[in-house]
Amino acid sequence: MLTRRLTATATLALITAIIIADLATSLPLDPFRAPPAIALGSGQAASGAHCAALPGR
């Protein structure tokens, strides 16, 4: 039981440290420069994903 508690505590401490480090070093998001979450019918071409790597004709 001690090993499980130690592992859980270490995991939570690591996750907390990663989140704190990320928040301390990242810039705030700019909602006006962010890409749309869902761009269905917007006319924008797909980019940066596996669906963007389709072979051309």
PDB file of N, CA and C in Angstrom:
ATOM      1  N   MET A   1       0.813  -1.192   0.000  1.00  0.00           N
ATOM      2  CA  MET A   1       0.000   0.000   0.000  1.00  0.00           C
ATOM      3  C   MET A   1       0.863   1.265   0.000  1.00  0.00           C
ATOM      4  N   LEU A   2       2.017   1.207   0.632  1.00  0.00           N
ATOM      5  CA  LEU A   2       2.917   2.357   0.670  1.00  0.00           C
ATOM      6  C   LEU A   2       3.446   2.673  -0.721  1.00  0.00           C
ATOM      7  N   THR A   3       3.736   1.647  -1.512  1.00  0.00           N
ATOM      8  CA  THR A   3       4.253   1.865  -2.857  1.00  0.00           C
ATOM      9  C   THR A   3       3.207   2.545  -3.735  1.00  0.00           C
ATOM     10  N   ARG A   4       1.974   2.129  -3.624  1.00  0.00           N
ATOM     11  CA  ARG A   4       0.905   2.732  -4.417  1.00  0.00           C
ATOM     12  C   ARG A   4       0.715   4.201  -4.042  1.00  0.00           C
ATOM     13  N   ARG A   5       0.720   4.501  -2.764  1.00  0.00           N
ATOM     14  CA  ARG A   5       0.549   5.876  -2.308  1.00  0.00           C
ATOM     15  C   ARG A   5       1.727   6.750  -2.739  1.00  0.00           C
ATOM     16  N   LEU A   6       2.938   6.209  -2.650  1.00  0.00           N
ATOM     17  CA  LEU A   6       4.131   6.938  -3.079  1.00  0.00           C
ATOM     18  C   LEU A   6       4.092   7.202  -4.584  1.00  0.00           C
ATOM     19  N   THR A   7       3.712   6.211  -5.368  1.00  0.00           N
ATOM     20  CA  THR A   7       3.627   6.377  -6.819  1.00  0.00           C
ATOM     21  C   THR A   7       2.558   7.397  -7.197  1.00  0.00           C
ATOM     22  N   ALA A   8       1.410   7.350  -6.552  1.00  0.00           N
ATOM     23  CA  ALA A   8       0.340   8.307  -6.839  1.00  0.00           C
ATOM     24  C   ALA A   8       0.762   9.725  -6.471  1.00  0.00           C
ATOM     25  N   THR A   9       1.414   9.885  -5.347  1.00  0.00           N
ATOM     26  CA  THR A   9       1.871  11.202  -4.922  1.00  0.00           C
ATOM     27  C   THR A   9       2.925  11.750  -5.864  1.00  0.00           C
ATOM     28  N   ALA A  10       3.870  10.913  -6.266  1.00  0.00           N
ATOM     29  CA  ALA A  10       4.913  11.346  -7.195  1.00  0.00           C
ATOM     30  C   ALA A  10       4.320  11.709  -8.555  1.00  0.00           C
ATOM     31  N   THR A  11       3.336  10.953  -9.011  1.00  0.00           N
ATOM     32  CA  THR A  11       2.697  11.242 -10.295  1.00  0.00           C
ATOM     33  C   THR A  11       1.948  12.566 -10.245  1.00  0.00           C
ATOM     34  N   LEU A  12       1.183  12.793  -9.197  1.00  0.00           N
ATOM     35  CA  LEU A  12       0.459  14.057  -9.065  1.00  0.00           C
ATOM     36  C   LEU A  12       1.415  15.240  -8.935  1.00  0.00           C
ATOM     37  N   ALA A  13       2.521  15.052  -8.226  1.00  0.00           N
ATOM     38  CA  ALA A  13       3.507  16.124  -8.094  1.00  0.00           C
ATOM     39  C   ALA A  13       4.145  16.441  -9.445  1.00  0.00           C
ATOM     40  N   LEU A  14       4.434  15.419 -10.249  1.00  0.00           N
ATOM     41  CA  LEU A  14       5.022  15.634 -11.565  1.00  0.00           C
ATOM     42  C   LEU A  14       4.042  16.344 -12.498  1.00  0.00           C
ATOM     43  N   ILE A  15       2.792  15.923 -12.495  1.00  0.00           N
ATOM     44  CA  ILE A  15       1.788  16.573 -13.336  1.00  0.00           C
ATOM     45  C   ILE A  15       1.604  18.031 -12.921  1.00  0.00           C
ATOM     46  N   THR A  16       1.568  18.286 -11.624  1.00  0.00           N
ATOM     47  CA  THR A  16       1.438  19.655 -11.125  1.00  0.00           C
ATOM     48  C   THR A  16       2.635  20.500 -11.532  1.00  0.00           C
ATOM     49  N   ALA A  17       3.837  19.941 -11.440  1.00  0.00           N
ATOM     50  CA  ALA A  17       5.041  20.681 -11.831  1.00  0.00           C
ATOM     51  C   ALA A  17       5.038  20.989 -13.324  1.00  0.00           C
ATOM     52  N   ILE A  18       4.579  20.062 -14.142  1.00  0.00           N
ATOM     53  CA  ILE A  18       4.523  20.298 -15.588  1.00  0.00           C
ATOM     54  C   ILE A  18       3.518  21.401 -15.903  1.00  0.00           C
ATOM     55  N   ILE A  19       2.361  21.378 -15.258  1.00  0.00           N
ATOM     56  CA  ILE A  19       1.347  22.414 -15.502  1.00  0.00           C
ATOM     57  C   ILE A  19       1.848  23.782 -15.053  1.00  0.00           C
ATOM     58  N   ILE A  20       2.501  23.853 -13.917  1.00  0.00           N
ATOM     59  CA  ILE A  20       3.032  25.126 -13.427  1.00  0.00           C
ATOM     60  C   ILE A  20       4.117  25.647 -14.359  1.00  0.00           C
ATOM     61  N   ALA A  21       4.999  24.771 -14.819  1.00  0.00           N
ATOM     62  CA  ALA A  21       6.056  25.188 -15.746  1.00  0.00           C
ATOM     63  C   ALA A  21       5.465  25.669 -17.061  1.00  0.00           C
ATOM     64  N   ASP A  22       4.433  25.000 -17.541  1.00  0.00           N
ATOM     65  CA  ASP A  22       3.797  25.411 -18.794  1.00  0.00           C
ATOM     66  C   ASP A  22       3.125  26.774 -18.644  1.00  0.00           C
ATOM     67  N   LEU A  23       2.411  26.980 -17.564  1.00  0.00           N
ATOM     68  CA  LEU A  23       1.744  28.256 -17.344  1.00  0.00           C
ATOM     69  C   LEU A  23       2.738  29.400 -17.154  1.00  0.00           C
ATOM     70  N   ALA A  24       3.886  29.100 -16.561  1.00  0.00           N
ATOM     71  CA  ALA A  24       4.885  30.133 -16.302  1.00  0.00           C
ATOM     72  C   ALA A  24       5.627  30.541 -17.573  1.00  0.00           C
ATOM     73  N   THR A  25       5.752  29.649 -18.550  1.00  0.00           N
ATOM     74  CA  THR A  25       6.563  29.947 -19.724  1.00  0.00           C
ATOM     75  C   THR A  25       5.762  30.237 -20.988  1.00  0.00           C
ATOM     76  N   SER A  26       4.470  29.986 -20.994  1.00  0.00           N
ATOM     77  CA  SER A  26       3.702  30.174 -22.223  1.00  0.00           C
ATOM     78  C   SER A  26       3.059  31.555 -22.273  1.00  0.00           C
ATOM     79  N   LEU A  27       2.839  32.009 -23.487  1.00  0.00           N
ATOM     80  CA  LEU A  27       2.169  33.285 -23.703  1.00  0.00           C
ATOM     81  C   LEU A  27       0.662  33.071 -23.639  1.00  0.00           C
ATOM     82  N   PRO A  28      -0.092  34.094 -23.284  1.00  0.00           N
ATOM     83  CA  PRO A  28      -1.550  33.928 -23.281  1.00  0.00           C
ATOM     84  C   PRO A  28      -2.062  33.754 -24.717  1.00  0.00           C
ATOM     85  N   LEU A  29      -3.165  33.032 -24.856  1.00  0.00           N
ATOM     86  CA  LEU A  29      -3.737  32.794 -26.168  1.00  0.00           C
ATOM     87  C   LEU A  29      -4.385  34.056 -26.707  1.00  0.00           C
ATOM     88  N   ASP A  30      -4.250  34.249 -28.013  1.00  0.00           N
ATOM     89  CA  ASP A  30      -4.904  35.367 -28.693  1.00  0.00           C
ATOM     90  C   ASP A  30      -6.086  34.801 -29.470  1.00  0.00           C
ATOM     91  N   PRO A  31      -7.310  35.008 -29.010  1.00  0.00           N
ATOM     92  CA  PRO A  31      -8.461  34.401 -29.680  1.00  0.00           C
ATOM     93  C   PRO A  31      -8.681  34.915 -31.099  1.00  0.00           C
ATOM     94  N   PHE A  32      -8.111  36.058 -31.456  1.00  0.00           N
ATOM     95  CA  PHE A  32      -8.302  36.604 -32.793  1.00  0.00           C
ATOM     96  C   PHE A  32      -7.340  35.992 -33.812  1.00  0.00           C
ATOM     97  N   ARG A  33      -6.274  35.336 -33.357  1.00  0.00           N
ATOM     98  CA  ARG A  33      -5.319  34.692 -34.265  1.00  0.00           C
ATOM     99  C   ARG A  33      -5.439  33.174 -34.236  1.00  0.00           C
ATOM    100  N   ALA A  34      -6.295  32.639 -33.410  1.00  0.00           N
ATOM    101  CA  ALA A  34      -6.451  31.193 -33.288  1.00  0.00           C
ATOM    102  C   ALA A  34      -7.223  30.649 -34.478  1.00  0.00           C
ATOM    103  N   PRO A  35      -6.855  29.459 -34.950  1.00  0.00           N
ATOM    104  CA  PRO A  35      -7.619  28.860 -36.044  1.00  0.00           C
ATOM    105  C   PRO A  35      -8.979  28.398 -35.540  1.00  0.00           C
ATOM    106  N   PRO A  36      -9.952  28.291 -36.432  1.00  0.00           N
ATOM    107  CA  PRO A  36     -11.269  27.830 -35.984  1.00  0.00           C
ATOM    108  C   PRO A  36     -11.211  26.387 -35.500  1.00  0.00           C
ATOM    109  N   ALA A  37     -11.957  26.081 -34.464  1.00  0.00           N
ATOM    110  CA  ALA A  37     -11.967  24.718 -33.935  1.00  0.00           C
ATOM    111  C   ALA A  37     -12.592  23.760 -34.934  1.00  0.00           C
ATOM    112  N   ILE A  38     -13.683  24.187 -35.568  1.00  0.00           N
ATOM    113  CA  ILE A  38     -14.343  23.394 -36.601  1.00  0.00           C
ATOM    114  C   ILE A  38     -14.546  24.324 -37.792  1.00  0.00           C
ATOM    115  N   ALA A  39     -13.916  23.997 -38.920  1.00  0.00           N
ATOM    116  CA  ALA A  39     -13.952  24.882 -40.082  1.00  0.00           C
ATOM    117  C   ALA A  39     -14.801  24.299 -41.204  1.00  0.00           C
ATOM    118  N   LEU A  40     -15.916  23.684 -40.855  1.00  0.00           N
ATOM    119  CA  LEU A  40     -16.770  23.093 -41.881  1.00  0.00           C
ATOM    120  C   LEU A  40     -17.420  24.190 -42.713  1.00  0.00           C
ATOM    121  N   GLY A  41     -17.195  24.143 -44.010  1.00  0.00           N
ATOM    122  CA  GLY A  41     -17.805  25.096 -44.917  1.00  0.00           C
ATOM    123  C   GLY A  41     -17.225  26.488 -44.858  1.00  0.00           C
ATOM    124  N   SER A  42     -16.068  26.668 -44.240  1.00  0.00           N
ATOM    125  CA  SER A  42     -15.502  28.011 -44.125  1.00  0.00           C
ATOM    126  C   SER A  42     -14.675  28.391 -45.342  1.00  0.00           C
ATOM    127  N   GLY A  43     -14.372  27.427 -46.206  1.00  0.00           N
ATOM    128  CA  GLY A  43     -13.548  27.705 -47.373  1.00  0.00           C
ATOM    129  C   GLY A  43     -12.066  27.595 -47.098  1.00  0.00           C
ATOM    130  N   GLN A  44     -11.670  27.354 -45.867  1.00  0.00           N
ATOM    131  CA  GLN A  44     -10.261  27.200 -45.542  1.00  0.00           C
ATOM    132  C   GLN A  44      -9.804  25.801 -45.900  1.00  0.00           C
ATOM    133  N   ALA A  45      -8.606  25.719 -46.472  1.00  0.00           N
ATOM    134  CA  ALA A  45      -8.052  24.421 -46.816  1.00  0.00           C
ATOM    135  C   ALA A  45      -7.518  23.745 -45.559  1.00  0.00           C
ATOM    136  N   ALA A  46      -7.607  22.430 -45.534  1.00  0.00           N
ATOM    137  CA  ALA A  46      -7.067  21.676 -44.405  1.00  0.00           C
ATOM    138  C   ALA A  46      -5.543  21.756 -44.434  1.00  0.00           C
ATOM    139  N   SER A  47      -4.941  21.853 -43.261  1.00  0.00           N
ATOM    140  CA  SER A  47      -3.483  21.877 -43.185  1.00  0.00           C
ATOM    141  C   SER A  47      -3.040  21.330 -41.853  1.00  0.00           C
ATOM    142  N   GLY A  48      -1.910  20.675 -41.850  1.00  0.00           N
ATOM    143  CA  GLY A  48      -1.316  20.208 -40.612  1.00  0.00           C
ATOM    144  C   GLY A  48      -1.879  18.928 -40.048  1.00  0.00           C
ATOM    145  N   ALA A  49      -2.607  18.170 -40.822  1.00  0.00           N
ATOM    146  CA  ALA A  49      -3.162  16.926 -40.315  1.00  0.00           C
ATOM    147  C   ALA A  49      -3.064  15.850 -41.398  1.00  0.00           C
ATOM    148  N   HIS A  50      -3.428  14.646 -41.055  1.00  0.00           N
ATOM    149  CA  HIS A  50      -3.312  13.573 -42.029  1.00  0.00           C
ATOM    150  C   HIS A  50      -4.255  13.770 -43.206  1.00  0.00           C
ATOM    151  N   CYS A  51      -5.337  14.489 -43.012  1.00  0.00           N
ATOM    152  CA  CYS A  51      -6.275  14.721 -44.114  1.00  0.00           C
ATOM    153  C   CYS A  51      -5.723  15.760 -45.100  1.00  0.00           C
ATOM    154  N   ALA A  52      -4.695  16.507 -44.699  1.00  0.00           N
ATOM    155  CA  ALA A  52      -4.097  17.492 -45.594  1.00  0.00           C
ATOM    156  C   ALA A  52      -3.066  16.857 -46.520  1.00  0.00           C
ATOM    157  N   ALA A  53      -2.688  15.615 -46.288  1.00  0.00           N
ATOM    158  CA  ALA A  53      -1.642  14.959 -47.065  1.00  0.00           C
ATOM    159  C   ALA A  53      -2.235  14.073 -48.163  1.00  0.00           C
ATOM    160  N   LEU A  54      -3.400  14.424 -48.664  1.00  0.00           N
ATOM    161  CA  LEU A  54      -4.014  13.638 -49.721  1.00  0.00           C
ATOM    162  C   LEU A  54      -3.234  13.818 -51.019  1.00  0.00           C
ATOM    163  N   PRO A  55      -3.125  12.774 -51.820  1.00  0.00           N
ATOM    164  CA  PRO A  55      -2.377  12.902 -53.090  1.00  0.00           C
ATOM    165  C   PRO A  55      -3.117  13.810 -54.057  1.00  0.00           C
ATOM    166  N   GLY A  56      -2.357  14.566 -54.820  1.00  0.00           N
ATOM    167  CA  GLY A  56      -2.953  15.460 -55.813  1.00  0.00           C
ATOM    168  C   GLY A  56      -3.343  14.699 -57.069  1.00  0.00           C
ATOM    169  N   ARG A  57      -4.130  15.320 -57.904  1.00  0.00           N
ATOM    170  CA  ARG A  57      -4.553  14.661 -59.142  1.00  0.00           C
ATOM    171  C   ARG A  57      -3.583  14.880 -60.248  1.00  0.00           C
TER     172      ARG A  57
END
